[in-house]
């Protein structure tokens, strides 16, 4: 896997970590009061959950000739989004 591919795939992981940290902070009563941080959290949630899920049909089509199962393709796309399935040849 190239350094560029690794860097691209790190972005969604950082997004998931930000979502988890924000959720944990909210659950223990320490949600940030800063409106910008809250807005970024909601944008990240939309991109990570909704947009990644919307990419699954395209990823399944792109992975038809690969050795990955449809379930594995769907899970990896939900985690990494297009940075996973569009970089398969590069990886």
PDB file of N, CA and C in Angstrom:
ATOM      1  N   UNK A   1       0.845  -1.166   0.000  1.00  0.00           N
ATOM      2  CA  UNK A   1       0.000   0.000   0.000  1.00  0.00           C
ATOM      3  C   UNK A   1       0.896   1.237   0.000  1.00  0.00           C
ATOM      4  N   UNK A   2       0.576   2.183  -0.853  1.00  0.00           N
ATOM      5  CA  UNK A   2       1.398   3.390  -0.957  1.00  0.00           C
ATOM      6  C   UNK A   2       1.157   4.325   0.224  1.00  0.00           C
ATOM      7  N   UNK A   3       2.091   5.229   0.418  1.00  0.00           N
ATOM      8  CA  UNK A   3       1.971   6.206   1.494  1.00  0.00           C
ATOM      9  C   UNK A   3       0.748   7.093   1.272  1.00  0.00           C
ATOM     10  N   UNK A   4       0.490   7.448   0.017  1.00  0.00           N
ATOM     11  CA  UNK A   4      -0.671   8.285  -0.299  1.00  0.00           C
ATOM     12  C   UNK A   4      -1.966   7.567   0.069  1.00  0.00           C
ATOM     13  N   UNK A   5      -2.064   6.286  -0.266  1.00  0.00           N
ATOM     14  CA  UNK A   5      -3.256   5.506   0.061  1.00  0.00           C
ATOM     15  C   UNK A   5      -3.431   5.407   1.565  1.00  0.00           C
ATOM     16  N   UNK A   6      -2.346   5.160   2.274  1.00  0.00           N
ATOM     17  CA  UNK A   6      -2.406   5.080   3.735  1.00  0.00           C
ATOM     18  C   UNK A   6      -2.865   6.405   4.327  1.00  0.00           C
ATOM     19  N   UNK A   7      -2.340   7.506   3.817  1.00  0.00           N
ATOM     20  CA  UNK A   7      -2.738   8.824   4.313  1.00  0.00           C
ATOM     21  C   UNK A   7      -4.213   9.091   4.030  1.00  0.00           C
ATOM     22  N   UNK A   8      -4.668   8.731   2.836  1.00  0.00           N
ATOM     23  CA  UNK A   8      -6.081   8.930   2.508  1.00  0.00           C
ATOM     24  C   UNK A   8      -6.989   8.102   3.406  1.00  0.00           C
ATOM     25  N   UNK A   9      -6.591   6.889   3.705  1.00  0.00           N
ATOM     26  CA  UNK A   9      -7.408   6.025   4.561  1.00  0.00           C
ATOM     27  C   UNK A   9      -7.365   6.440   6.021  1.00  0.00           C
ATOM     28  N   UNK A  10      -6.361   7.212   6.414  1.00  0.00           N
ATOM     29  CA  UNK A  10      -6.282   7.701   7.788  1.00  0.00           C
ATOM     30  C   UNK A  10      -7.348   8.759   8.065  1.00  0.00           C
ATOM     31  N   UNK A  11      -7.755   9.479   7.041  1.00  0.00           N
ATOM     32  CA  UNK A  11      -8.735  10.557   7.228  1.00  0.00           C
ATOM     33  C   UNK A  11     -10.058  10.032   7.788  1.00  0.00           C
ATOM     34  N   UNK A  12     -10.673   8.980   7.191  1.00  0.00           N
ATOM     35  CA  UNK A  12     -11.909   8.489   7.783  1.00  0.00           C
ATOM     36  C   UNK A  12     -11.717   7.905   9.183  1.00  0.00           C
ATOM     37  N   UNK A  13     -10.567   7.310   9.436  1.00  0.00           N
ATOM     38  CA  UNK A  13     -10.314   6.785  10.784  1.00  0.00           C
ATOM     39  C   UNK A  13     -10.291   7.928  11.792  1.00  0.00           C
ATOM     40  N   UNK A  14      -9.652   9.019  11.441  1.00  0.00           N
ATOM     41  CA  UNK A  14      -9.649  10.193  12.328  1.00  0.00           C
ATOM     42  C   UNK A  14     -11.071  10.716  12.531  1.00  0.00           C
ATOM     43  N   UNK A  15     -11.870  10.668  11.477  1.00  0.00           N
ATOM     44  CA  UNK A  15     -13.264  11.090  11.603  1.00  0.00           C
ATOM     45  C   UNK A  15     -14.050  10.215  12.556  1.00  0.00           C
ATOM     46  N   UNK A  16     -13.873   8.890  12.450  1.00  0.00           N
ATOM     47  CA  UNK A  16     -14.555   7.968  13.371  1.00  0.00           C
ATOM     48  C   UNK A  16     -14.080   8.188  14.805  1.00  0.00           C
ATOM     49  N   UNK A  17     -12.785   8.448  14.995  1.00  0.00           N
ATOM     50  CA  UNK A  17     -12.265   8.713  16.340  1.00  0.00           C
ATOM     51  C   UNK A  17     -12.861   9.990  16.919  1.00  0.00           C
ATOM     52  N   UNK A  18     -13.023  11.011  16.073  1.00  0.00           N
ATOM     53  CA  UNK A  18     -13.640  12.269  16.518  1.00  0.00           C
ATOM     54  C   UNK A  18     -15.096  12.034  16.923  1.00  0.00           C
ATOM     55  N   UNK A  19     -15.809  11.216  16.134  1.00  0.00           N
ATOM     56  CA  UNK A  19     -17.189  10.893  16.488  1.00  0.00           C
ATOM     57  C   UNK A  19     -17.254  10.163  17.822  1.00  0.00           C
ATOM     58  N   UNK A  20     -16.389   9.189  18.003  1.00  0.00           N
ATOM     59  CA  UNK A  20     -16.380   8.428  19.252  1.00  0.00           C
ATOM     60  C   UNK A  20     -16.040   9.318  20.443  1.00  0.00           C
ATOM     61  N   UNK A  21     -15.031  10.158  20.286  1.00  0.00           N
ATOM     62  CA  UNK A  21     -14.642  11.057  21.379  1.00  0.00           C
ATOM     63  C   UNK A  21     -15.776  12.016  21.729  1.00  0.00           C
ATOM     64  N   UNK A  22     -16.449  12.541  20.712  1.00  0.00           N
ATOM     65  CA  UNK A  22     -17.569  13.444  20.962  1.00  0.00           C
ATOM     66  C   UNK A  22     -18.725  12.747  21.650  1.00  0.00           C
ATOM     67  N   UNK A  23     -19.006  11.517  21.241  1.00  0.00           N
ATOM     68  CA  UNK A  23     -20.088  10.754  21.858  1.00  0.00           C
ATOM     69  C   UNK A  23     -19.766  10.436  23.314  1.00  0.00           C
ATOM     70  N   UNK A  24     -18.546   9.997  23.555  1.00  0.00           N
ATOM     71  CA  UNK A  24     -18.137   9.703  24.934  1.00  0.00           C
ATOM     72  C   UNK A  24     -18.199  10.959  25.792  1.00  0.00           C
ATOM     73  N   UNK A  25     -17.704  12.068  25.265  1.00  0.00           N
ATOM     74  CA  UNK A  25     -17.748  13.335  26.008  1.00  0.00           C
ATOM     75  C   UNK A  25     -19.184  13.728  26.335  1.00  0.00           C
ATOM     76  N   UNK A  26     -20.084  13.560  25.383  1.00  0.00           N
ATOM     77  CA  UNK A  26     -21.490  13.907  25.622  1.00  0.00           C
ATOM     78  C   UNK A  26     -22.107  12.982  26.665  1.00  0.00           C
ATOM     79  N   UNK A  27     -21.767  11.695  26.608  1.00  0.00           N
ATOM     80  CA  UNK A  27     -22.342  10.730  27.554  1.00  0.00           C
ATOM     81  C   UNK A  27     -21.899  10.976  28.991  1.00  0.00           C
ATOM     82  N   UNK A  28     -20.695  11.498  29.172  1.00  0.00           N
ATOM     83  CA  UNK A  28     -20.215  11.779  30.524  1.00  0.00           C
ATOM     84  C   UNK A  28     -20.463  13.232  30.937  1.00  0.00           C
ATOM     85  N   UNK A  29     -21.214  13.964  30.127  1.00  0.00           N
ATOM     86  CA  UNK A  29     -21.600  15.323  30.473  1.00  0.00           C
ATOM     87  C   UNK A  29     -20.578  16.391  30.171  1.00  0.00           C
ATOM     88  N   UNK A  30     -19.659  16.117  29.275  1.00  0.00           N
ATOM     89  CA  UNK A  30     -18.627  17.096  28.929  1.00  0.00           C
ATOM     90  C   UNK A  30     -18.620  17.422  27.439  1.00  0.00           C
ATOM     91  N   UNK A  31     -19.786  17.465  26.837  1.00  0.00           N
ATOM     92  CA  UNK A  31     -19.861  17.816  25.413  1.00  0.00           C
ATOM     93  C   UNK A  31     -19.337  19.235  25.231  1.00  0.00           C
ATOM     94  N   UNK A  32     -18.616  19.472  24.147  1.00  0.00           N
ATOM     95  CA  UNK A  32     -18.078  20.821  23.936  1.00  0.00           C
ATOM     96  C   UNK A  32     -19.199  21.842  23.759  1.00  0.00           C
ATOM     97  N   UNK A  33     -18.983  23.020  24.293  1.00  0.00           N
ATOM     98  CA  UNK A  33     -19.968  24.090  24.135  1.00  0.00           C
ATOM     99  C   UNK A  33     -19.693  24.919  22.888  1.00  0.00           C
ATOM    100  N   UNK A  34     -18.521  24.757  22.314  1.00  0.00           N
ATOM    101  CA  UNK A  34     -18.143  25.502  21.120  1.00  0.00           C
ATOM    102  C   UNK A  34     -19.011  25.051  19.939  1.00  0.00           C
ATOM    103  N   UNK A  35     -19.695  26.022  19.316  1.00  0.00           N
ATOM    104  CA  UNK A  35     -20.606  25.705  18.208  1.00  0.00           C
ATOM    105  C   UNK A  35     -19.881  25.132  17.002  1.00  0.00           C
ATOM    106  N   UNK A  36     -18.672  25.584  16.747  1.00  0.00           N
ATOM    107  CA  UNK A  36     -17.911  25.088  15.599  1.00  0.00           C
ATOM    108  C   UNK A  36     -17.576  23.610  15.789  1.00  0.00           C
ATOM    109  N   UNK A  37     -17.113  23.239  16.990  1.00  0.00           N
ATOM    110  CA  UNK A  37     -16.791  21.839  17.255  1.00  0.00           C
ATOM    111  C   UNK A  37     -18.029  20.952  17.138  1.00  0.00           C
ATOM    112  N   UNK A  38     -19.175  21.461  17.613  1.00  0.00           N
ATOM    113  CA  UNK A  38     -20.423  20.702  17.482  1.00  0.00           C
ATOM    114  C   UNK A  38     -20.832  20.562  16.016  1.00  0.00           C
ATOM    115  N   UNK A  39     -20.700  21.637  15.256  1.00  0.00           N
ATOM    116  CA  UNK A  39     -21.055  21.581  13.830  1.00  0.00           C
ATOM    117  C   UNK A  39     -20.147  20.604  13.090  1.00  0.00           C
ATOM    118  N   UNK A  40     -18.860  20.621  13.386  1.00  0.00           N
ATOM    119  CA  UNK A  40     -17.929  19.685  12.750  1.00  0.00           C
ATOM    120  C   UNK A  40     -18.314  18.255  13.103  1.00  0.00           C
ATOM    121  N   UNK A  41     -18.720  18.014  14.362  1.00  0.00           N
ATOM    122  CA  UNK A  41     -19.116  16.665  14.774  1.00  0.00           C
ATOM    123  C   UNK A  41     -20.313  16.189  13.950  1.00  0.00           C
ATOM    124  N   UNK A  42     -21.328  17.051  13.784  1.00  0.00           N
ATOM    125  CA  UNK A  42     -22.520  16.655  13.030  1.00  0.00           C
ATOM    126  C   UNK A  42     -22.207  16.461  11.541  1.00  0.00           C
ATOM    127  N   UNK A  43     -21.360  17.291  10.989  1.00  0.00           N
ATOM    128  CA  UNK A  43     -20.943  17.115   9.586  1.00  0.00           C
ATOM    129  C   UNK A  43     -20.189  15.801   9.436  1.00  0.00           C
ATOM    130  N   UNK A  44     -19.292  15.532  10.370  1.00  0.00           N
ATOM    131  CA  UNK A  44     -18.537  14.281  10.350  1.00  0.00           C
ATOM    132  C   UNK A  44     -19.479  13.085  10.465  1.00  0.00           C
ATOM    133  N   UNK A  45     -20.476  13.171  11.340  1.00  0.00           N
ATOM    134  CA  UNK A  45     -21.440  12.079  11.497  1.00  0.00           C
ATOM    135  C   UNK A  45     -22.186  11.835  10.184  1.00  0.00           C
ATOM    136  N   UNK A  46     -22.617  12.901   9.536  1.00  0.00           N
ATOM    137  CA  UNK A  46     -23.335  12.756   8.267  1.00  0.00           C
ATOM    138  C   UNK A  46     -22.450  12.110   7.206  1.00  0.00           C
ATOM    139  N   UNK A  47     -21.220  12.601   7.089  1.00  0.00           N
ATOM    140  CA  UNK A  47     -20.309  12.055   6.083  1.00  0.00           C
ATOM    141  C   UNK A  47     -19.945  10.602   6.382  1.00  0.00           C
ATOM    142  N   UNK A  48     -19.632  10.308   7.634  1.00  0.00           N
ATOM    143  CA  UNK A  48     -19.188   8.969   7.998  1.00  0.00           C
ATOM    144  C   UNK A  48     -20.307   7.933   7.935  1.00  0.00           C
ATOM    145  N   UNK A  49     -21.503   8.322   8.314  1.00  0.00           N
ATOM    146  CA  UNK A  49     -22.599   7.352   8.364  1.00  0.00           C
ATOM    147  C   UNK A  49     -23.403   7.342   7.064  1.00  0.00           C
ATOM    148  N   UNK A  50     -23.922   8.477   6.683  1.00  0.00           N
ATOM    149  CA  UNK A  50     -24.833   8.539   5.535  1.00  0.00           C
ATOM    150  C   UNK A  50     -24.088   8.434   4.203  1.00  0.00           C
ATOM    151  N   UNK A  51     -23.057   9.243   4.026  1.00  0.00           N
ATOM    152  CA  UNK A  51     -22.362   9.268   2.736  1.00  0.00           C
ATOM    153  C   UNK A  51     -21.595   7.966   2.496  1.00  0.00           C
ATOM    154  N   UNK A  52     -20.945   7.447   3.517  1.00  0.00           N
ATOM    155  CA  UNK A  52     -20.253   6.165   3.339  1.00  0.00           C
ATOM    156  C   UNK A  52     -21.247   5.065   2.989  1.00  0.00           C
ATOM    157  N   UNK A  53     -22.391   5.030   3.655  1.00  0.00           N
ATOM    158  CA  UNK A  53     -23.404   4.014   3.340  1.00  0.00           C
ATOM    159  C   UNK A  53     -23.915   4.173   1.913  1.00  0.00           C
ATOM    160  N   UNK A  54     -24.055   5.395   1.457  1.00  0.00           N
ATOM    161  CA  UNK A  54     -24.533   5.640   0.088  1.00  0.00           C
ATOM    162  C   UNK A  54     -23.523   5.170  -0.960  1.00  0.00           C
ATOM    163  N   UNK A  55     -22.265   5.020  -0.580  1.00  0.00           N
ATOM    164  CA  UNK A  55     -21.228   4.576  -1.504  1.00  0.00           C
ATOM    165  C   UNK A  55     -21.159   3.055  -1.636  1.00  0.00           C
ATOM    166  N   UNK A  56     -21.850   2.332  -0.781  1.00  0.00           N
ATOM    167  CA  UNK A  56     -21.755   0.869  -0.790  1.00  0.00           C
ATOM    168  C   UNK A  56     -22.178   0.263  -2.124  1.00  0.00           C
ATOM    169  N   UNK A  57     -23.292   0.678  -2.757  1.00  0.00           N
ATOM    170  CA  UNK A  57     -23.627   0.081  -4.054  1.00  0.00           C
ATOM    171  C   UNK A  57     -22.525   0.249  -5.109  1.00  0.00           C
ATOM    172  N   UNK A  58     -21.919   1.421  -5.171  1.00  0.00           N
ATOM    173  CA  UNK A  58     -20.824   1.640  -6.130  1.00  0.00           C
ATOM    174  C   UNK A  58     -19.619   0.781  -5.778  1.00  0.00           C
ATOM    175  N   UNK A  59     -19.342   0.631  -4.492  1.00  0.00           N
ATOM    176  CA  UNK A  59     -18.215  -0.196  -4.068  1.00  0.00           C
ATOM    177  C   UNK A  59     -18.454  -1.659  -4.410  1.00  0.00           C
ATOM    178  N   UNK A  60     -19.671  -2.131  -4.214  1.00  0.00           N
ATOM    179  CA  UNK A  60     -19.983  -3.519  -4.551  1.00  0.00           C
ATOM    180  C   UNK A  60     -19.797  -3.778  -6.038  1.00  0.00           C
ATOM    181  N   UNK A  61     -20.218  -2.823  -6.841  1.00  0.00           N
ATOM    182  CA  UNK A  61     -20.044  -2.970  -8.290  1.00  0.00           C
ATOM    183  C   UNK A  61     -18.555  -2.957  -8.653  1.00  0.00           C
ATOM    184  N   UNK A  62     -17.795  -2.072  -8.043  1.00  0.00           N
ATOM    185  CA  UNK A  62     -16.369  -1.971  -8.334  1.00  0.00           C
ATOM    186  C   UNK A  62     -15.612  -3.214  -7.870  1.00  0.00           C
ATOM    187  N   UNK A  63     -16.120  -3.887  -6.848  1.00  0.00           N
ATOM    188  CA  UNK A  63     -15.414  -5.031  -6.277  1.00  0.00           C
ATOM    189  C   UNK A  63     -15.909  -6.371  -6.797  1.00  0.00           C
ATOM    190  N   UNK A  64     -16.770  -6.354  -7.819  1.00  0.00           N
ATOM    191  CA  UNK A  64     -17.323  -7.612  -8.336  1.00  0.00           C
ATOM    192  C   UNK A  64     -16.247  -8.611  -8.736  1.00  0.00           C
ATOM    193  N   UNK A  65     -15.159  -8.144  -9.304  1.00  0.00           N
ATOM    194  CA  UNK A  65     -14.112  -9.063  -9.775  1.00  0.00           C
ATOM    195  C   UNK A  65     -12.990  -9.254  -8.750  1.00  0.00           C
ATOM    196  N   UNK A  66     -13.177  -8.749  -7.546  1.00  0.00           N
ATOM    197  CA  UNK A  66     -12.127  -8.899  -6.534  1.00  0.00           C
ATOM    198  C   UNK A  66     -12.353 -10.169  -5.725  1.00  0.00           C
ATOM    199  N   UNK A  67     -11.420 -10.455  -4.852  1.00  0.00           N
ATOM    200  CA  UNK A  67     -11.539 -11.644  -4.012  1.00  0.00           C
ATOM    201  C   UNK A  67     -12.251 -11.357  -2.689  1.00  0.00           C
ATOM    202  N   UNK A  68     -12.734 -10.148  -2.496  1.00  0.00           N
ATOM    203  CA  UNK A  68     -13.438  -9.783  -1.267  1.00  0.00           C
ATOM    204  C   UNK A  68     -14.919 -10.131  -1.378  1.00  0.00           C
ATOM    205  N   UNK A  69     -15.489 -10.539  -0.252  1.00  0.00           N
ATOM    206  CA  UNK A  69     -16.915 -10.841  -0.231  1.00  0.00           C
ATOM    207  C   UNK A  69     -17.706  -9.534  -0.249  1.00  0.00           C
ATOM    208  N   UNK A  70     -18.971  -9.585  -0.648  1.00  0.00           N
ATOM    209  CA  UNK A  70     -19.795  -8.376  -0.610  1.00  0.00           C
ATOM    210  C   UNK A  70     -19.920  -7.792   0.799  1.00  0.00           C
ATOM    211  N   UNK A  71     -19.967  -8.649   1.801  1.00  0.00           N
ATOM    212  CA  UNK A  71     -20.065  -8.154   3.184  1.00  0.00           C
ATOM    213  C   UNK A  71     -18.788  -7.413   3.570  1.00  0.00           C
ATOM    214  N   UNK A  72     -17.641  -7.999   3.242  1.00  0.00           N
ATOM    215  CA  UNK A  72     -16.364  -7.351   3.548  1.00  0.00           C
ATOM    216  C   UNK A  72     -16.244  -6.015   2.814  1.00  0.00           C
ATOM    217  N   UNK A  73     -16.667  -6.001   1.559  1.00  0.00           N
ATOM    218  CA  UNK A  73     -16.646  -4.760   0.779  1.00  0.00           C
ATOM    219  C   UNK A  73     -17.534  -3.709   1.422  1.00  0.00           C
ATOM    220  N   UNK A  74     -18.727  -4.100   1.839  1.00  0.00           N
ATOM    221  CA  UNK A  74     -19.655  -3.156   2.460  1.00  0.00           C
ATOM    222  C   UNK A  74     -19.098  -2.614   3.778  1.00  0.00           C
ATOM    223  N   UNK A  75     -18.531  -3.485   4.600  1.00  0.00           N
ATOM    224  CA  UNK A  75     -17.990  -3.046   5.896  1.00  0.00           C
ATOM    225  C   UNK A  75     -16.808  -2.099   5.700  1.00  0.00           C
ATOM    226  N   UNK A  76     -15.894  -2.472   4.819  1.00  0.00           N
ATOM    227  CA  UNK A  76     -14.734  -1.605   4.579  1.00  0.00           C
ATOM    228  C   UNK A  76     -15.142  -0.265   3.970  1.00  0.00           C
ATOM    229  N   UNK A  77     -16.176  -0.280   3.129  1.00  0.00           N
ATOM    230  CA  UNK A  77     -16.661   0.978   2.555  1.00  0.00           C
ATOM    231  C   UNK A  77     -17.330   1.829   3.626  1.00  0.00           C
ATOM    232  N   UNK A  78     -18.065   1.204   4.544  1.00  0.00           N
ATOM    233  CA  UNK A  78     -18.686   1.972   5.622  1.00  0.00           C
ATOM    234  C   UNK A  78     -17.623   2.611   6.507  1.00  0.00           C
ATOM    235  N   UNK A  79     -16.526   1.917   6.715  1.00  0.00           N
ATOM    236  CA  UNK A  79     -15.452   2.460   7.553  1.00  0.00           C
ATOM    237  C   UNK A  79     -14.639   3.516   6.814  1.00  0.00           C
ATOM    238  N   UNK A  80     -14.191   3.193   5.593  1.00  0.00           N
ATOM    239  CA  UNK A  80     -13.263   4.063   4.874  1.00  0.00           C
ATOM    240  C   UNK A  80     -13.893   4.888   3.759  1.00  0.00           C
ATOM    241  N   UNK A  81     -15.115   4.566   3.342  1.00  0.00           N
ATOM    242  CA  UNK A  81     -15.743   5.283   2.239  1.00  0.00           C
ATOM    243  C   UNK A  81     -15.001   5.059   0.936  1.00  0.00           C
ATOM    244  N   UNK A  82     -15.062   6.035   0.083  1.00  0.00           N
ATOM    245  CA  UNK A  82     -14.426   5.932  -1.234  1.00  0.00           C
ATOM    246  C   UNK A  82     -12.913   5.797  -1.134  1.00  0.00           C
ATOM    247  N   UNK A  83     -12.334   6.228  -0.014  1.00  0.00           N
ATOM    248  CA  UNK A  83     -10.886   6.095   0.119  1.00  0.00           C
ATOM    249  C   UNK A  83     -10.476   4.637   0.211  1.00  0.00           C
ATOM    250  N   UNK A  84     -11.425   3.739   0.441  1.00  0.00           N
ATOM    251  CA  UNK A  84     -11.085   2.324   0.394  1.00  0.00           C
ATOM    252  C   UNK A  84     -11.298   1.765  -1.002  1.00  0.00           C
ATOM    253  N   UNK A  85     -12.515   1.813  -1.514  1.00  0.00           N
ATOM    254  CA  UNK A  85     -12.785   1.100  -2.765  1.00  0.00           C
ATOM    255  C   UNK A  85     -12.197   1.766  -3.994  1.00  0.00           C
ATOM    256  N   UNK A  86     -11.949   3.076  -3.954  1.00  0.00           N
ATOM    257  CA  UNK A  86     -11.347   3.722  -5.129  1.00  0.00           C
ATOM    258  C   UNK A  86      -9.832   3.553  -5.158  1.00  0.00           C
ATOM    259  N   UNK A  87      -9.241   3.081  -4.068  1.00  0.00           N
ATOM    260  CA  UNK A  87      -7.792   2.913  -4.039  1.00  0.00           C
ATOM    261  C   UNK A  87      -7.391   1.444  -4.118  1.00  0.00           C
ATOM    262  N   UNK A  88      -8.297   0.557  -4.433  1.00  0.00           N
ATOM    263  CA  UNK A  88      -7.979  -0.865  -4.482  1.00  0.00           C
ATOM    264  C   UNK A  88      -6.887  -1.184  -5.492  1.00  0.00           C
ATOM    265  N   UNK A  89      -6.944  -0.604  -6.666  1.00  0.00           N
ATOM    266  CA  UNK A  89      -5.886  -0.872  -7.652  1.00  0.00           C
ATOM    267  C   UNK A  89      -4.559  -0.284  -7.193  1.00  0.00           C
ATOM    268  N   UNK A  90      -4.626   0.886  -6.534  1.00  0.00           N
ATOM    269  CA  UNK A  90      -3.404   1.525  -6.058  1.00  0.00           C
ATOM    270  C   UNK A  90      -2.768   0.717  -4.932  1.00  0.00           C
ATOM    271  N   UNK A  91      -3.628   0.041  -4.148  1.00  0.00           N
ATOM    272  CA  UNK A  91      -3.096  -0.740  -3.027  1.00  0.00           C
ATOM    273  C   UNK A  91      -2.501  -2.022  -3.553  1.00  0.00           C
TER     274      UNK A  91
END
